[in-house]
Amino acid sequence: MADLKVTQIKSSIGAKQNQRDSLRTLGLRGIRKQVVRPDSPENRGLINVVRHLVTVEEVEEGSR
């Protein structure tokens, strides 16, 4: 199973509270910050909520 590299590309200012909470849960704290998360249904759901604020790339497991 692959990992997902999530990069925040837009600010959370003006976003709804659930979107801000999703960014924090993913570990994103600012524009151009990146995190690597396992590809799971929970993480996919969080990413789906903020899909307009982030970009997602698949990376191979172990290449963190």
PDB file of N, CA and C in Angstrom:
ATOM      1  N   MET A   1       0.841  -1.178   0.000  1.00  0.00           N
ATOM      2  CA  MET A   1       0.000   0.000   0.000  1.00  0.00           C
ATOM      3  C   MET A   1       0.890   1.247   0.000  1.00  0.00           C
ATOM      4  N   ALA A   2       0.518   2.215  -0.796  1.00  0.00           N
ATOM      5  CA  ALA A   2       1.319   3.418  -0.946  1.00  0.00           C
ATOM      6  C   ALA A   2       0.979   4.441   0.139  1.00  0.00           C
ATOM      7  N   ASP A   3       1.878   5.388   0.300  1.00  0.00           N
ATOM      8  CA  ASP A   3       1.636   6.510   1.196  1.00  0.00           C
ATOM      9  C   ASP A   3       1.180   7.706   0.366  1.00  0.00           C
ATOM     10  N   LEU A   4       0.594   8.684   1.020  1.00  0.00           N
ATOM     11  CA  LEU A   4       0.145   9.899   0.356  1.00  0.00           C
ATOM     12  C   LEU A   4       0.925  11.086   0.887  1.00  0.00           C
ATOM     13  N   LYS A   5       1.515  11.862  -0.020  1.00  0.00           N
ATOM     14  CA  LYS A   5       2.177  13.105   0.373  1.00  0.00           C
ATOM     15  C   LYS A   5       1.193  14.236   0.123  1.00  0.00           C
ATOM     16  N   VAL A   6       0.808  14.912   1.195  1.00  0.00           N
ATOM     17  CA  VAL A   6      -0.199  15.965   1.136  1.00  0.00           C
ATOM     18  C   VAL A   6       0.493  17.301   1.355  1.00  0.00           C
ATOM     19  N   THR A   7       0.270  18.245   0.444  1.00  0.00           N
ATOM     20  CA  THR A   7       0.863  19.576   0.514  1.00  0.00           C
ATOM     21  C   THR A   7      -0.246  20.605   0.560  1.00  0.00           C
ATOM     22  N   GLN A   8      -0.208  21.494   1.546  1.00  0.00           N
ATOM     23  CA  GLN A   8      -1.190  22.571   1.622  1.00  0.00           C
ATOM     24  C   GLN A   8      -0.788  23.658   0.636  1.00  0.00           C
ATOM     25  N   ILE A   9      -1.717  24.050  -0.249  1.00  0.00           N
ATOM     26  CA  ILE A   9      -1.410  25.047  -1.265  1.00  0.00           C
ATOM     27  C   ILE A   9      -2.180  26.345  -1.080  1.00  0.00           C
ATOM     28  N   LYS A  10      -3.222  26.319  -0.256  1.00  0.00           N
ATOM     29  CA  LYS A  10      -4.002  27.525   0.010  1.00  0.00           C
ATOM     30  C   LYS A  10      -4.170  27.698   1.503  1.00  0.00           C
ATOM     31  N   SER A  11      -4.444  28.916   1.916  1.00  0.00           N
ATOM     32  CA  SER A  11      -4.619  29.246   3.323  1.00  0.00           C
ATOM     33  C   SER A  11      -5.956  28.751   3.846  1.00  0.00           C
ATOM     34  N   SER A  12      -5.989  28.497   5.135  1.00  0.00           N
ATOM     35  CA  SER A  12      -7.238  28.077   5.770  1.00  0.00           C
ATOM     36  C   SER A  12      -8.035  29.270   6.295  1.00  0.00           C
ATOM     37  N   ILE A  13      -7.524  30.480   6.094  1.00  0.00           N
ATOM     38  CA  ILE A  13      -8.258  31.676   6.523  1.00  0.00           C
ATOM     39  C   ILE A  13      -9.549  31.753   5.712  1.00  0.00           C
ATOM     40  N   GLY A  14     -10.653  31.895   6.404  1.00  0.00           N
ATOM     41  CA  GLY A  14     -11.948  31.968   5.741  1.00  0.00           C
ATOM     42  C   GLY A  14     -12.582  30.614   5.509  1.00  0.00           C
ATOM     43  N   ALA A  15     -11.864  29.543   5.830  1.00  0.00           N
ATOM     44  CA  ALA A  15     -12.414  28.199   5.646  1.00  0.00           C
ATOM     45  C   ALA A  15     -13.334  27.861   6.810  1.00  0.00           C
ATOM     46  N   LYS A  16     -14.206  26.892   6.584  1.00  0.00           N
ATOM     47  CA  LYS A  16     -15.104  26.444   7.643  1.00  0.00           C
ATOM     48  C   LYS A  16     -14.303  25.744   8.731  1.00  0.00           C
ATOM     49  N   GLN A  17     -14.888  25.690   9.917  1.00  0.00           N
ATOM     50  CA  GLN A  17     -14.181  25.105  11.060  1.00  0.00           C
ATOM     51  C   GLN A  17     -13.842  23.638  10.837  1.00  0.00           C
ATOM     52  N   ASN A  18     -14.743  22.871  10.197  1.00  0.00           N
ATOM     53  CA  ASN A  18     -14.439  21.459   9.971  1.00  0.00           C
ATOM     54  C   ASN A  18     -13.273  21.291   9.001  1.00  0.00           C
ATOM     55  N   GLN A  19     -13.094  22.224   8.080  1.00  0.00           N
ATOM     56  CA  GLN A  19     -11.964  22.167   7.156  1.00  0.00           C
ATOM     57  C   GLN A  19     -10.668  22.499   7.882  1.00  0.00           C
ATOM     58  N   ARG A  20     -10.696  23.477   8.771  1.00  0.00           N
ATOM     59  CA  ARG A  20      -9.514  23.811   9.569  1.00  0.00           C
ATOM     60  C   ARG A  20      -9.127  22.637  10.456  1.00  0.00           C
ATOM     61  N   ASP A  21     -10.130  22.003  11.050  1.00  0.00           N
ATOM     62  CA  ASP A  21      -9.878  20.848  11.907  1.00  0.00           C
ATOM     63  C   ASP A  21      -9.268  19.698  11.109  1.00  0.00           C
ATOM     64  N   SER A  22      -9.737  19.502   9.882  1.00  0.00           N
ATOM     65  CA  SER A  22      -9.194  18.433   9.040  1.00  0.00           C
ATOM     66  C   SER A  22      -7.731  18.697   8.692  1.00  0.00           C
ATOM     67  N   LEU A  23      -7.389  19.947   8.401  1.00  0.00           N
ATOM     68  CA  LEU A  23      -5.993  20.282   8.106  1.00  0.00           C
ATOM     69  C   LEU A  23      -5.115  20.005   9.319  1.00  0.00           C
ATOM     70  N   ARG A  24      -5.574  20.400  10.500  1.00  0.00           N
ATOM     71  CA  ARG A  24      -4.791  20.166  11.720  1.00  0.00           C
ATOM     72  C   ARG A  24      -4.647  18.674  12.000  1.00  0.00           C
ATOM     73  N   THR A  25      -5.707  17.913  11.780  1.00  0.00           N
ATOM     74  CA  THR A  25      -5.658  16.473  12.004  1.00  0.00           C
ATOM     75  C   THR A  25      -4.657  15.818  11.059  1.00  0.00           C
ATOM     76  N   LEU A  26      -4.581  16.323   9.834  1.00  0.00           N
ATOM     77  CA  LEU A  26      -3.601  15.801   8.885  1.00  0.00           C
ATOM     78  C   LEU A  26      -2.180  16.230   9.252  1.00  0.00           C
ATOM     79  N   GLY A  27      -2.044  17.273  10.057  1.00  0.00           N
ATOM     80  CA  GLY A  27      -0.726  17.751  10.463  1.00  0.00           C
ATOM     81  C   GLY A  27      -0.228  18.931   9.657  1.00  0.00           C
ATOM     82  N   LEU A  28      -1.110  19.536   8.896  1.00  0.00           N
ATOM     83  CA  LEU A  28      -0.724  20.688   8.072  1.00  0.00           C
ATOM     84  C   LEU A  28      -0.943  21.970   8.853  1.00  0.00           C
ATOM     85  N   ARG A  29       0.091  22.808   8.911  1.00  0.00           N
ATOM     86  CA  ARG A  29       0.028  24.020   9.712  1.00  0.00           C
ATOM     87  C   ARG A  29       0.304  25.282   8.911  1.00  0.00           C
ATOM     88  N   GLY A  30       0.444  25.184   7.604  1.00  0.00           N
ATOM     89  CA  GLY A  30       0.674  26.383   6.814  1.00  0.00           C
ATOM     90  C   GLY A  30       0.877  26.058   5.349  1.00  0.00           C
ATOM     91  N   ILE A  31       0.859  27.104   4.553  1.00  0.00           N
ATOM     92  CA  ILE A  31       1.036  26.951   3.115  1.00  0.00           C
ATOM     93  C   ILE A  31       2.429  26.391   2.826  1.00  0.00           C
ATOM     94  N   ARG A  32       2.500  25.485   1.871  1.00  0.00           N
ATOM     95  CA  ARG A  32       3.704  24.794   1.412  1.00  0.00           C
ATOM     96  C   ARG A  32       4.264  23.795   2.414  1.00  0.00           C
ATOM     97  N   LYS A  33       3.523  23.493   3.476  1.00  0.00           N
ATOM     98  CA  LYS A  33       3.942  22.444   4.408  1.00  0.00           C
ATOM     99  C   LYS A  33       3.479  21.106   3.852  1.00  0.00           C
ATOM    100  N   GLN A  34       4.292  20.071   4.071  1.00  0.00           N
ATOM    101  CA  GLN A  34       3.982  18.743   3.545  1.00  0.00           C
ATOM    102  C   GLN A  34       3.987  17.715   4.659  1.00  0.00           C
ATOM    103  N   VAL A  35       3.128  16.726   4.523  1.00  0.00           N
ATOM    104  CA  VAL A  35       3.112  15.587   5.427  1.00  0.00           C
ATOM    105  C   VAL A  35       2.942  14.330   4.592  1.00  0.00           C
ATOM    106  N   VAL A  36       3.440  13.224   5.111  1.00  0.00           N
ATOM    107  CA  VAL A  36       3.248  11.928   4.467  1.00  0.00           C
ATOM    108  C   VAL A  36       2.372  11.105   5.387  1.00  0.00           C
ATOM    109  N   ARG A  37       1.274  10.630   4.858  1.00  0.00           N
ATOM    110  CA  ARG A  37       0.302   9.859   5.625  1.00  0.00           C
ATOM    111  C   ARG A  37       0.035   8.535   4.916  1.00  0.00           C
ATOM    112  N   PRO A  38      -0.273   7.502   5.680  1.00  0.00           N
ATOM    113  CA  PRO A  38      -0.632   6.232   5.039  1.00  0.00           C
ATOM    114  C   PRO A  38      -1.936   6.371   4.261  1.00  0.00           C
ATOM    115  N   ASP A  39      -2.054   5.612   3.202  1.00  0.00           N
ATOM    116  CA  ASP A  39      -3.264   5.639   2.383  1.00  0.00           C
ATOM    117  C   ASP A  39      -4.323   4.780   3.070  1.00  0.00           C
ATOM    118  N   SER A  40      -5.216   5.443   3.813  1.00  0.00           N
ATOM    119  CA  SER A  40      -6.281   4.738   4.513  1.00  0.00           C
ATOM    120  C   SER A  40      -7.597   5.461   4.251  1.00  0.00           C
ATOM    121  N   PRO A  41      -8.707   4.786   4.464  1.00  0.00           N
ATOM    122  CA  PRO A  41     -10.002   5.457   4.254  1.00  0.00           C
ATOM    123  C   PRO A  41     -10.172   6.695   5.143  1.00  0.00           C
ATOM    124  N   GLU A  42      -9.633   6.656   6.362  1.00  0.00           N
ATOM    125  CA  GLU A  42      -9.750   7.805   7.257  1.00  0.00           C
ATOM    126  C   GLU A  42      -9.012   9.013   6.689  1.00  0.00           C
ATOM    127  N   ASN A  43      -7.784   8.787   6.225  1.00  0.00           N
ATOM    128  CA  ASN A  43      -7.005   9.893   5.661  1.00  0.00           C
ATOM    129  C   ASN A  43      -7.602  10.375   4.342  1.00  0.00           C
ATOM    130  N   ARG A  44      -8.120   9.462   3.550  1.00  0.00           N
ATOM    131  CA  ARG A  44      -8.776   9.867   2.304  1.00  0.00           C
ATOM    132  C   ARG A  44      -9.983  10.761   2.585  1.00  0.00           C
ATOM    133  N   GLY A  45     -10.727  10.453   3.639  1.00  0.00           N
ATOM    134  CA  GLY A  45     -11.875  11.270   4.009  1.00  0.00           C
ATOM    135  C   GLY A  45     -11.465  12.666   4.440  1.00  0.00           C
ATOM    136  N   LEU A  46     -10.396  12.762   5.237  1.00  0.00           N
ATOM    137  CA  LEU A  46      -9.900  14.072   5.660  1.00  0.00           C
ATOM    138  C   LEU A  46      -9.440  14.887   4.459  1.00  0.00           C
ATOM    139  N   ILE A  47      -8.746  14.232   3.541  1.00  0.00           N
ATOM    140  CA  ILE A  47      -8.253  14.918   2.337  1.00  0.00           C
ATOM    141  C   ILE A  47      -9.416  15.377   1.473  1.00  0.00           C
ATOM    142  N   ASN A  48     -10.454  14.564   1.401  1.00  0.00           N
ATOM    143  CA  ASN A  48     -11.618  14.920   0.588  1.00  0.00           C
ATOM    144  C   ASN A  48     -12.289  16.190   1.085  1.00  0.00           C
ATOM    145  N   VAL A  49     -12.302  16.402   2.388  1.00  0.00           N
ATOM    146  CA  VAL A  49     -12.923  17.595   2.972  1.00  0.00           C
ATOM    147  C   VAL A  49     -12.176  18.856   2.543  1.00  0.00           C
ATOM    148  N   VAL A  50     -10.845  18.768   2.412  1.00  0.00           N
ATOM    149  CA  VAL A  50     -10.032  19.954   2.099  1.00  0.00           C
ATOM    150  C   VAL A  50      -9.362  19.841   0.728  1.00  0.00           C
ATOM    151  N   ARG A  51      -9.995  19.136  -0.172  1.00  0.00           N
ATOM    152  CA  ARG A  51      -9.378  18.878  -1.479  1.00  0.00           C
ATOM    153  C   ARG A  51      -9.061  20.146  -2.258  1.00  0.00           C
ATOM    154  N   HIS A  52      -9.770  21.245  -1.984  1.00  0.00           N
ATOM    155  CA  HIS A  52      -9.520  22.508  -2.679  1.00  0.00           C
ATOM    156  C   HIS A  52      -8.361  23.286  -2.052  1.00  0.00           C
ATOM    157  N   LEU A  53      -7.848  22.830  -0.908  1.00  0.00           N
ATOM    158  CA  LEU A  53      -6.754  23.517  -0.220  1.00  0.00           C
ATOM    159  C   LEU A  53      -5.431  22.768  -0.310  1.00  0.00           C
ATOM    160  N   VAL A  54      -5.453  21.540  -0.822  1.00  0.00           N
ATOM    161  CA  VAL A  54      -4.254  20.703  -0.813  1.00  0.00           C
ATOM    162  C   VAL A  54      -4.040  20.038  -2.166  1.00  0.00           C
ATOM    163  N   THR A  55      -2.809  19.558  -2.365  1.00  0.00           N
ATOM    164  CA  THR A  55      -2.516  18.657  -3.472  1.00  0.00           C
ATOM    165  C   THR A  55      -2.039  17.347  -2.867  1.00  0.00           C
ATOM    166  N   VAL A  56      -2.276  16.260  -3.585  1.00  0.00           N
ATOM    167  CA  VAL A  56      -1.952  14.930  -3.069  1.00  0.00           C
ATOM    168  C   VAL A  56      -1.141  14.183  -4.117  1.00  0.00           C
ATOM    169  N   GLU A  57      -0.056  13.561  -3.663  1.00  0.00           N
ATOM    170  CA  GLU A  57       0.776  12.713  -4.522  1.00  0.00           C
ATOM    171  C   GLU A  57       0.930  11.360  -3.848  1.00  0.00           C
ATOM    172  N   GLU A  58       0.949  10.310  -4.645  1.00  0.00           N
ATOM    173  CA  GLU A  58       1.228   8.991  -4.086  1.00  0.00           C
ATOM    174  C   GLU A  58       2.740   8.778  -4.091  1.00  0.00           C
ATOM    175  N   VAL A  59       3.259   8.315  -2.987  1.00  0.00           N
ATOM    176  CA  VAL A  59       4.673   7.977  -2.884  1.00  0.00           C
ATOM    177  C   VAL A  59       4.766   6.534  -2.417  1.00  0.00           C
ATOM    178  N   GLU A  60       5.865   5.887  -2.778  1.00  0.00           N
ATOM    179  CA  GLU A  60       6.027   4.507  -2.368  1.00  0.00           C
ATOM    180  C   GLU A  60       6.343   4.431  -0.893  1.00  0.00           C
ATOM    181  N   GLU A  61       5.862   3.403  -0.278  1.00  0.00           N
ATOM    182  CA  GLU A  61       6.082   3.216   1.158  1.00  0.00           C
ATOM    183  C   GLU A  61       7.568   3.072   1.443  1.00  0.00           C
ATOM    184  N   GLY A  62       8.032   3.713   2.472  1.00  0.00           N
ATOM    185  CA  GLY A  62       9.450   3.629   2.839  1.00  0.00           C
ATOM    186  C   GLY A  62      10.309   4.718   2.235  1.00  0.00           C
ATOM    187  N   SER A  63       9.750   5.583   1.399  1.00  0.00           N
ATOM    188  CA  SER A  63      10.543   6.656   0.786  1.00  0.00           C
ATOM    189  C   SER A  63      10.295   7.976   1.482  1.00  0.00           C
ATOM    190  N   ARG A  64      10.005   7.910   2.763  1.00  0.00           N
ATOM    191  CA  ARG A  64       9.736   9.130   3.541  1.00  0.00           C
ATOM    192  C   ARG A  64      10.957   9.948   3.664  1.00  0.00           C
TER     193      ARG A  64
END
